[in-house]
Amino acid sequence: MDMKADKTVRRRMAAGAGALALVAMGTLSACGGNSGESPSTSTTTTTTTTAPSVSPTEKGLEPGGGNKFTPTVKAPTPATAVPGDN
């Protein structure tokens, strides 16, 4: 196949893909429109709830209390080689 025919095939495929995209967008926009139907009946339910009481958190911040959010588990230190051993 020569270069001119290859270029023509590519243009036709691009034009076909563009046309297909336009048809797909038109179809989706037509399907997504308001159909004009309204709901036959609607019911409303009213529920009354009370808010739970607020309680203080377990960990409070105090000016001189230090950092209470530090983890309690400490990782062991890594093993090191004896100096002179590679």
Protein backbone atom coordinates (compact mmCIF):
# COMPACT_ATOMS: atom_id res chain seq x y z
CA MET A 1 0.00 0.00 0.00
CA ASP A 2 1.41 3.38 -0.91
CA MET A 3 1.57 6.44 1.35
CA LYS A 4 -1.29 8.30 -0.35
CA ALA A 5 -3.73 5.41 0.08
CA ASP A 6 -2.62 4.92 3.69
CA LYS A 7 -3.25 8.61 4.44
CA THR A 8 -6.71 8.40 2.85
CA VAL A 9 -7.63 5.37 4.94
CA ARG A 10 -6.52 7.15 8.11
CA ARG A 11 -8.60 10.22 7.23
CA ARG A 12 -11.69 8.10 6.56
CA MET A 13 -11.26 6.22 9.84
CA ALA A 14 -10.85 9.51 11.75
CA ALA A 15 -13.93 10.97 10.05
CA GLY A 16 -15.93 7.83 10.85
CA ALA A 17 -14.82 7.88 14.48
CA GLY A 18 -15.78 11.56 14.73
CA ALA A 19 -19.18 10.93 13.21
CA LEU A 20 -19.74 8.01 15.56
CA ALA A 21 -18.79 10.20 18.52
CA LEU A 22 -21.29 12.87 17.43
CA VAL A 23 -24.06 10.30 17.10
CA ALA A 24 -23.24 8.85 20.51
CA MET A 25 -23.29 12.31 22.15
CA GLY A 26 -26.60 13.15 20.50
CA THR A 27 -28.12 9.86 21.63
CA LEU A 28 -26.92 10.27 25.20
CA SER A 29 -28.16 13.86 25.43
CA ALA A 30 -31.55 12.84 24.02
CA CYS A 31 -31.85 9.97 26.49
CA GLY A 32 -30.84 12.12 29.44
CA GLY A 33 -33.45 14.82 28.88
CA ASN A 34 -36.51 15.38 31.04
CA SER A 35 -39.27 13.09 29.84
CA GLY A 36 -42.03 15.28 31.25
CA GLU A 37 -43.41 12.59 33.50
CA SER A 38 -44.13 13.58 37.07
CA PRO A 39 -44.38 11.29 40.07
CA SER A 40 -47.91 10.11 40.76
CA THR A 41 -47.87 10.56 44.54
CA SER A 42 -45.34 11.53 47.13
CA THR A 43 -45.30 11.02 50.86
CA THR A 44 -43.27 12.90 53.43
CA THR A 45 -42.14 11.56 56.76
CA THR A 46 -40.95 13.79 59.58
CA THR A 47 -38.56 12.30 62.13
CA THR A 48 -37.45 14.09 65.27
CA THR A 49 -34.17 13.10 66.88
CA THR A 50 -32.24 14.49 69.81
CA ALA A 51 -28.51 15.13 69.67
CA PRO A 52 -26.34 13.00 71.98
CA SER A 53 -24.67 14.78 74.84
CA VAL A 54 -21.10 15.91 74.36
CA SER A 55 -18.46 14.25 76.52
CA PRO A 56 -14.79 15.24 76.89
CA THR A 57 -12.16 13.36 74.94
CA GLU A 58 -9.87 10.86 76.61
CA LYS A 59 -6.66 12.65 75.67
CA GLY A 60 -6.62 16.33 76.50
CA LEU A 61 -3.81 18.74 75.82
CA GLU A 62 -2.35 20.50 78.82
CA PRO A 63 0.34 23.20 78.61
CA GLY A 64 2.84 21.32 80.80
CA GLY A 65 1.60 17.77 80.27
CA GLY A 66 3.91 16.76 77.46
CA ASN A 67 2.91 15.08 74.24
CA LYS A 68 0.14 12.60 75.05
CA PHE A 69 -0.09 11.39 71.48
CA THR A 70 3.24 9.58 71.39
CA PRO A 71 3.09 5.84 70.73
CA THR A 72 3.72 3.50 73.65
CA VAL A 73 5.44 0.76 71.60
CA LYS A 74 9.06 1.46 70.70
CA ALA A 75 10.85 -0.34 67.88
CA PRO A 76 14.13 -2.12 68.75
CA THR A 77 17.32 -0.48 67.52
CA PRO A 78 18.83 -1.92 64.34
CA ALA A 79 21.68 -4.36 64.68
CA THR A 80 25.06 -2.91 63.74
CA ALA A 81 28.20 -4.69 62.61
CA VAL A 82 31.32 -4.76 64.69
CA PRO A 83 33.74 -2.04 63.53
CA GLY A 84 36.16 -3.43 60.99
CA ASP A 85 33.75 -6.09 59.62
CA ASN A 86 32.28 -5.42 56.21
